[in-house]
Amino acid sequence: MSDFNLTKLNEKIEQESSFVQPLLGGISEVIVGQKEIVEKLIIGLLSNGHILLEGVPGLAKTTLVKVVAQLIDTKFQRIQFTPDMLPADLLGTLIYNQSNGEFEMKKGPIFANIILADEINRSPAKVQSALLEAMQERQVTIHDTTFKLDDPFLVFATQNPIEQEGTYPLPEAQVDRFMLKLKVDYPSDEEEMQILKKMGSSNGEIFMKSVVNPKTILNARTTVNEIYTDEKIEKYIVDLVLATRSPERFGLGEISELISYGASPRATIYLAQASRARAFLQKRGYVVPEDVRYIAEDILRHRLILTYEAEAEEVTTEDLISRLFDTIPVP
């Protein structure tokens, strides 16, 4: 890519990423710490990728998503998933109007821009498959009519990592639709003290004034797609994903017994997209290996299916991903 093009692209990024600081500032007014999680949510937003948030209850996952939706001036819907939920509770249904003798559409909560699917693993398979169409096709079919969903449309789903009664494990096909799986951890001692001071005096209601409109986000996405990825970086991305499928090809034979299934080609696409979005946040017109490494764990961790042997040895997907990072040469 010529220097001239890159200079022009850098100027464009500088201009179009001006909303990032006010957005981060707005989030930090409400959310204490979680800097990396917040940055990765914005990467999902810029890459048009759904996000799965995993963490025990009470870590402000719902508040975080609600605040992001308010700051980007989009319609937000929180949907509490329960074992008795039906697809119609999510999508909507046709209702017979007696006065004119016709069926009328009553749209469900899925017709919003930012969906928070709370405790997604509590709902049965039928509801999850209805959500799957919306996530993948960005459309919904009710009876024989298909409705397009508004852009931007993103699903942020939360799930509780603690095995509890009444939860259904998410099917692999659905987990694969999530671009990122972010693990939300407990705050540090200092952050916990800040949370106490901040939240102890509030009444719990949060109303944030928007700092950016959806059109700006959609424009930024177009610019993200223009960010330059060198062939060496593309090879690095492909090698990372291939090494999850054929570890022995990359001198990682000892971990091949631990992985049942590696990451799908969707992981390769998402990794390239998310790396460009990270470059955009760094106001750079090109991707560097650090962008790939920053986001790779969140893209791969839910796509590796481990063997019983790995579980018996208490090896986690994070352990295996760090082995990949250590072994595969960085360009």
Protein backbone atom coordinates (compact mmCIF):
# COMPACT_ATOMS: atom_id res chain seq x y z
CA MET A 1 0.00 0.00 0.00
CA SER A 2 1.52 3.35 -1.00
CA ASP A 3 2.47 5.93 1.64
CA PHE A 4 0.11 8.42 0.01
CA ASN A 5 -2.88 6.08 0.35
CA LEU A 6 -1.93 5.26 3.91
CA THR A 7 -1.60 8.94 4.86
CA LYS A 8 -5.05 9.60 3.41
CA LEU A 9 -6.50 6.58 5.22
CA ASN A 10 -4.87 7.62 8.53
CA GLU A 11 -6.41 11.10 8.18
CA LYS A 12 -9.82 9.54 7.48
CA ILE A 13 -9.48 7.25 10.52
CA GLU A 14 -8.39 10.16 12.72
CA GLN A 15 -11.55 12.02 11.68
CA GLU A 16 -13.97 9.09 11.87
CA SER A 17 -12.70 7.71 15.18
CA SER A 18 -13.32 11.01 16.99
CA PHE A 19 -16.42 9.45 18.63
CA VAL A 20 -14.34 6.76 20.39
CA GLN A 21 -13.03 8.97 23.23
CA PRO A 22 -16.45 10.47 24.15
CA LEU A 23 -17.91 6.93 24.00
CA LEU A 24 -15.23 5.52 26.32
CA GLY A 25 -15.64 8.58 28.58
CA GLY A 26 -19.41 8.10 28.77
CA ILE A 27 -19.04 4.41 29.65
CA SER A 28 -16.44 5.12 32.37
CA GLU A 29 -18.87 7.56 34.04
CA VAL A 30 -21.01 4.55 34.95
CA ILE A 31 -18.78 1.48 34.69
CA VAL A 32 -15.76 1.21 36.97
CA GLY A 33 -12.69 -0.49 35.46
CA GLN A 34 -13.38 -3.23 32.83
CA LYS A 35 -11.30 -1.18 30.36
CA GLU A 36 -10.42 -4.15 28.15
CA ILE A 37 -13.98 -5.52 28.10
CA VAL A 38 -15.27 -2.06 27.08
CA GLU A 39 -12.69 -1.76 24.30
CA LYS A 40 -13.61 -5.22 23.00
CA LEU A 41 -17.32 -4.34 23.03
CA ILE A 42 -16.51 -1.39 20.77
CA ILE A 43 -14.46 -3.72 18.52
CA GLY A 44 -17.60 -5.92 18.23
CA LEU A 45 -19.67 -2.85 17.41
CA LEU A 46 -17.24 -1.77 14.67
CA SER A 47 -16.97 -5.30 13.24
CA ASN A 48 -20.71 -6.01 13.27
CA GLY A 49 -20.09 -8.99 15.56
CA HIS A 50 -22.32 -10.45 18.29
CA ILE A 51 -20.77 -10.87 21.74
CA LEU A 52 -21.18 -13.46 24.47
CA LEU A 53 -20.38 -12.13 27.96
CA GLU A 54 -19.64 -14.71 30.59
CA GLY A 55 -19.44 -13.87 34.27
CA VAL A 56 -21.16 -14.50 37.58
CA PRO A 57 -24.22 -12.33 38.37
CA GLY A 58 -23.65 -8.81 39.69
CA LEU A 59 -20.71 -7.73 37.51
CA ALA A 60 -22.66 -4.96 35.69
CA LYS A 61 -22.85 -6.82 32.36
CA THR A 62 -26.44 -5.65 31.78
CA THR A 63 -25.63 -2.07 32.82
CA LEU A 64 -22.64 -1.96 30.47
CA VAL A 65 -24.69 -2.99 27.41
CA LYS A 66 -27.53 -0.62 28.32
CA VAL A 67 -25.10 2.31 28.67
CA VAL A 68 -23.47 1.52 25.28
CA ALA A 69 -26.93 1.44 23.61
CA GLN A 70 -27.87 4.83 25.14
CA LEU A 71 -24.56 6.44 24.17
CA ILE A 72 -24.88 5.36 20.51
CA ASP A 73 -28.54 6.45 20.39
CA THR A 74 -30.01 3.06 19.47
CA LYS A 75 -33.11 1.17 20.54
CA PHE A 76 -32.24 -1.22 23.36
CA GLN A 77 -34.14 -4.31 24.50
CA ARG A 78 -33.27 -6.52 27.41
CA ILE A 79 -34.79 -9.98 27.09
CA GLN A 80 -34.72 -12.27 30.09
CA PHE A 81 -34.40 -15.84 28.83
CA THR A 82 -36.33 -18.40 30.86
CA PRO A 83 -37.01 -22.15 30.51
CA ASP A 84 -40.71 -21.54 29.67
CA MET A 85 -39.99 -19.01 26.92
CA LEU A 86 -41.49 -19.52 23.43
CA PRO A 87 -40.15 -18.26 20.07
CA ALA A 88 -43.18 -15.91 19.84
CA ASP A 89 -42.03 -14.20 23.06
CA LEU A 90 -38.88 -13.22 21.20
CA LEU A 91 -40.06 -12.65 17.62
CA GLY A 92 -43.68 -11.57 18.00
CA THR A 93 -46.82 -13.05 16.55
CA LEU A 94 -49.87 -12.45 14.33
CA ILE A 95 -52.97 -11.30 16.21
CA TYR A 96 -56.48 -11.49 14.75
CA ASN A 97 -58.17 -8.10 14.64
CA GLN A 98 -61.95 -8.65 14.93
CA SER A 99 -62.89 -5.17 13.74
CA ASN A 100 -61.40 -5.60 10.24
CA GLY A 101 -61.16 -9.41 10.11
CA GLU A 102 -57.42 -9.37 9.40
CA PHE A 103 -54.31 -10.66 11.12
CA GLU A 104 -51.99 -7.94 12.37
CA MET A 105 -48.34 -8.24 13.23
CA LYS A 106 -47.34 -7.65 16.82
CA LYS A 107 -43.56 -7.35 16.77
CA GLY A 108 -41.54 -8.91 19.57
CA PRO A 109 -38.56 -7.46 21.46
CA ILE A 110 -36.07 -8.73 18.84
CA PHE A 111 -36.99 -5.66 16.74
CA ALA A 112 -34.42 -3.35 18.30
CA ASN A 113 -30.80 -2.42 17.53
CA ILE A 114 -29.03 -3.67 20.63
CA ILE A 115 -30.43 -6.84 22.17
CA LEU A 116 -29.31 -8.00 25.56
CA ALA A 117 -30.13 -11.71 25.76
CA ASP A 118 -29.84 -12.17 29.50
CA GLU A 119 -28.91 -15.67 30.69
CA ILE A 120 -29.24 -17.01 27.17
CA ASN A 121 -28.43 -20.56 28.30
CA ARG A 122 -31.72 -20.73 30.24
CA SER A 123 -33.92 -20.92 27.15
CA PRO A 124 -34.88 -24.08 25.23
CA ALA A 125 -33.58 -25.03 21.78
CA LYS A 126 -36.57 -23.61 19.81
CA VAL A 127 -35.99 -20.11 21.20
CA GLN A 128 -32.28 -20.35 20.56
CA SER A 129 -32.83 -21.38 16.93
CA ALA A 130 -35.19 -18.39 16.45
CA LEU A 131 -32.45 -16.12 17.79
CA LEU A 132 -29.92 -17.86 15.55
CA GLU A 133 -31.72 -16.78 12.35
CA ALA A 134 -31.86 -13.20 13.58
CA MET A 135 -28.15 -13.24 14.43
CA GLN A 136 -26.97 -14.84 11.21
CA GLU A 137 -29.37 -13.47 8.59
CA ARG A 138 -30.25 -10.21 10.37
CA GLN A 139 -33.88 -11.06 9.60
CA VAL A 140 -36.83 -12.75 11.28
CA THR A 141 -39.48 -15.06 9.80
CA ILE A 142 -42.92 -15.10 11.40
CA HIS A 143 -45.30 -17.60 9.80
CA ASP A 144 -44.44 -17.08 6.12
CA THR A 145 -43.40 -13.42 6.25
CA THR A 146 -39.78 -12.31 6.53
CA PHE A 147 -38.89 -9.04 8.22
CA LYS A 148 -35.50 -7.33 7.89
CA LEU A 149 -33.98 -6.13 11.15
CA ASP A 150 -32.70 -2.56 11.48
CA ASP A 151 -28.99 -1.84 11.13
CA PRO A 152 -27.07 -1.82 13.41
CA PHE A 153 -28.39 -5.04 14.95
CA LEU A 154 -26.24 -6.69 17.57
CA VAL A 155 -26.88 -9.37 20.16
CA PHE A 156 -25.02 -9.16 23.44
CA ALA A 157 -25.75 -12.33 25.37
CA THR A 158 -24.85 -13.07 28.96
CA GLN A 159 -24.38 -16.48 30.47
CA ASN A 160 -23.57 -17.60 33.96
CA PRO A 161 -20.46 -19.84 34.10
CA ILE A 162 -21.63 -21.58 37.25
CA GLU A 163 -23.39 -24.84 36.38
CA GLN A 164 -26.94 -24.39 37.58
CA GLU A 165 -30.13 -26.34 37.24
CA GLY A 166 -32.36 -25.18 34.42
CA THR A 167 -29.61 -24.20 32.00
CA TYR A 168 -29.26 -25.57 28.48
CA PRO A 169 -25.75 -25.62 26.98
CA LEU A 170 -25.67 -23.46 23.86
CA PRO A 171 -25.43 -25.50 20.64
CA GLU A 172 -22.03 -25.27 18.89
CA ALA A 173 -23.66 -23.65 15.83
CA GLN A 174 -25.00 -20.86 17.98
CA VAL A 175 -21.80 -20.33 19.97
CA ASP A 176 -19.94 -20.04 16.64
CA ARG A 177 -22.23 -17.13 15.62
CA PHE A 178 -20.77 -15.03 18.43
CA MET A 179 -17.73 -13.17 17.20
CA LEU A 180 -16.28 -12.74 20.69
CA LYS A 181 -16.66 -14.49 24.01
CA LEU A 182 -15.57 -12.13 26.76
CA LYS A 183 -14.95 -13.26 30.32
CA VAL A 184 -15.99 -10.63 32.86
CA ASP A 185 -13.98 -10.91 36.08
CA TYR A 186 -14.40 -9.53 39.58
CA PRO A 187 -13.17 -5.95 40.12
CA SER A 188 -9.93 -5.24 42.01
CA ASP A 189 -10.07 -4.05 45.66
CA GLU A 190 -9.63 -0.44 44.57
CA GLU A 191 -12.35 -0.73 41.88
CA GLU A 192 -14.73 -2.36 44.36
CA MET A 193 -14.28 0.68 46.64
CA GLN A 194 -15.02 3.01 43.71
CA ILE A 195 -18.15 0.99 42.86
CA LEU A 196 -19.34 1.33 46.46
CA LYS A 197 -18.82 5.11 46.44
CA LYS A 198 -20.43 5.55 43.01
CA MET A 199 -23.38 3.17 43.28
CA GLY A 200 -24.05 3.47 47.00
CA SER A 201 -25.46 6.96 46.48
CA SER A 202 -27.36 6.43 43.20
CA ASN A 203 -30.97 5.33 42.83
CA GLY A 204 -30.02 2.75 40.19
CA GLU A 205 -31.59 4.62 37.24
CA ILE A 206 -29.18 5.36 34.39
CA PHE A 207 -29.90 7.82 31.60
CA MET A 208 -26.96 8.63 29.35
CA LYS A 209 -27.06 11.33 26.71
CA SER A 210 -25.99 9.96 23.32
CA VAL A 211 -22.51 10.97 22.10
CA VAL A 212 -22.67 9.43 18.62
CA ASN A 213 -25.43 8.44 16.19
CA PRO A 214 -25.80 5.03 14.51
CA LYS A 215 -24.95 6.48 11.08
CA THR A 216 -21.46 7.45 12.32
CA ILE A 217 -20.95 3.89 13.57
CA LEU A 218 -22.02 2.47 10.18
CA ASN A 219 -19.63 4.89 8.38
CA ALA A 220 -16.82 3.85 10.71
CA ARG A 221 -17.50 0.19 9.82
CA THR A 222 -16.94 1.00 6.15
CA THR A 223 -13.62 2.63 7.00
CA VAL A 224 -12.61 -0.36 9.18
CA ASN A 225 -13.01 -2.57 6.08
CA GLU A 226 -10.53 -0.36 4.20
CA ILE A 227 -7.76 -0.89 6.77
CA TYR A 228 -4.73 -2.55 5.21
CA THR A 229 -3.75 -6.09 6.26
CA ASP A 230 -0.38 -7.23 4.94
CA GLU A 231 -0.12 -10.73 3.49
CA LYS A 232 2.26 -11.77 6.32
CA ILE A 233 -0.38 -10.78 8.89
CA GLU A 234 -3.06 -12.67 6.93
CA LYS A 235 -0.82 -15.75 6.99
CA TYR A 236 -0.34 -15.33 10.75
CA ILE A 237 -4.14 -15.23 11.23
CA VAL A 238 -4.63 -18.32 9.06
CA ASP A 239 -1.80 -20.19 10.84
CA LEU A 240 -3.32 -19.48 14.28
CA VAL A 241 -6.67 -20.92 13.18
CA LEU A 242 -5.17 -23.88 11.27
CA ALA A 243 -3.05 -24.78 14.29
CA THR A 244 -6.27 -25.40 16.26
CA ARG A 245 -7.27 -28.00 13.64
CA SER A 246 -3.89 -29.61 12.83
CA PRO A 247 -1.55 -28.82 15.74
CA GLU A 248 1.03 -31.39 14.56
CA ARG A 249 1.66 -29.38 11.36
CA PHE A 250 2.93 -26.53 13.54
CA GLY A 251 5.08 -28.60 15.90
CA LEU A 252 2.31 -28.82 18.50
CA GLY A 253 1.68 -32.58 18.28
CA GLU A 254 1.41 -32.86 22.06
CA ILE A 255 -1.82 -30.82 22.12
CA SER A 256 -3.57 -32.68 19.27
CA GLU A 257 -4.88 -35.19 21.84
CA LEU A 258 -6.54 -32.34 23.73
CA ILE A 259 -8.60 -30.77 20.93
CA SER A 260 -11.64 -32.58 19.45
CA TYR A 261 -12.52 -29.83 17.00
CA GLY A 262 -10.63 -26.71 16.02
CA ALA A 263 -11.95 -23.31 14.97
CA SER A 264 -14.07 -22.93 11.82
CA PRO A 265 -13.25 -20.63 8.85
CA ARG A 266 -15.64 -18.16 10.47
CA ALA A 267 -12.92 -17.66 13.12
CA THR A 268 -10.44 -16.65 10.39
CA ILE A 269 -12.86 -14.06 8.97
CA TYR A 270 -13.74 -12.70 12.43
CA LEU A 271 -10.10 -12.51 13.48
CA ALA A 272 -9.22 -10.43 10.41
CA GLN A 273 -12.27 -8.15 10.93
CA ALA A 274 -11.65 -7.65 14.64
CA SER A 275 -7.92 -6.97 14.09
CA ARG A 276 -8.84 -4.19 11.65
CA ALA A 277 -11.29 -2.75 14.19
CA ARG A 278 -8.53 -2.76 16.85
CA ALA A 279 -6.22 -0.92 14.40
CA PHE A 280 -9.03 1.63 13.90
CA LEU A 281 -9.29 2.18 17.67
CA GLN A 282 -5.53 2.74 17.71
CA LYS A 283 -5.99 5.28 14.86
CA ARG A 284 -3.85 3.18 12.51
CA GLY A 285 -4.51 2.45 8.82
CA TYR A 286 -2.84 -0.97 8.92
CA VAL A 287 -2.96 -4.11 11.11
CA VAL A 288 0.05 -5.15 13.24
CA PRO A 289 0.55 -8.57 14.94
CA GLU A 290 -0.29 -6.99 18.31
CA ASP A 291 -3.87 -6.32 17.04
CA VAL A 292 -4.27 -10.02 16.21
CA ARG A 293 -2.88 -11.18 19.56
CA TYR A 294 -5.02 -8.66 21.46
CA ILE A 295 -8.29 -10.16 20.21
CA ALA A 296 -7.44 -13.77 19.19
CA GLU A 297 -8.17 -15.39 22.55
CA ASP A 298 -11.70 -13.92 22.63
CA ILE A 299 -12.37 -15.19 19.11
CA LEU A 300 -10.94 -18.68 19.62
CA ARG A 301 -11.84 -19.57 23.23
CA HIS A 302 -15.43 -20.66 22.49
CA ARG A 303 -14.56 -22.36 19.19
CA LEU A 304 -12.18 -24.99 20.50
CA ILE A 305 -13.96 -28.15 21.58
CA LEU A 306 -11.75 -29.98 24.05
CA THR A 307 -11.46 -33.75 24.49
CA TYR A 308 -12.34 -35.58 27.71
CA GLU A 309 -8.61 -35.99 28.21
CA ALA A 310 -8.14 -32.19 28.30
CA GLU A 311 -10.98 -31.88 30.81
CA ALA A 312 -9.48 -34.66 32.95
CA GLU A 313 -6.13 -32.86 32.92
CA GLU A 314 -7.95 -29.57 33.66
CA VAL A 315 -6.48 -27.94 30.56
CA THR A 316 -8.49 -24.87 29.47
CA THR A 317 -8.91 -23.43 25.98
CA GLU A 318 -6.96 -20.37 27.24
CA ASP A 319 -3.98 -22.64 28.07
CA LEU A 320 -4.01 -24.05 24.54
CA ILE A 321 -4.33 -20.61 22.91
CA SER A 322 -1.32 -19.32 24.83
CA ARG A 323 0.63 -22.38 23.56
CA LEU A 324 -0.31 -21.36 20.00
CA PHE A 325 0.90 -17.81 20.68
CA ASP A 326 4.21 -19.14 22.03
CA THR A 327 4.83 -21.50 19.10
CA ILE A 328 3.57 -19.82 15.92
CA PRO A 329 6.16 -17.33 14.63
CA VAL A 330 5.02 -13.70 14.74
CA PRO A 331 5.59 -11.85 11.46
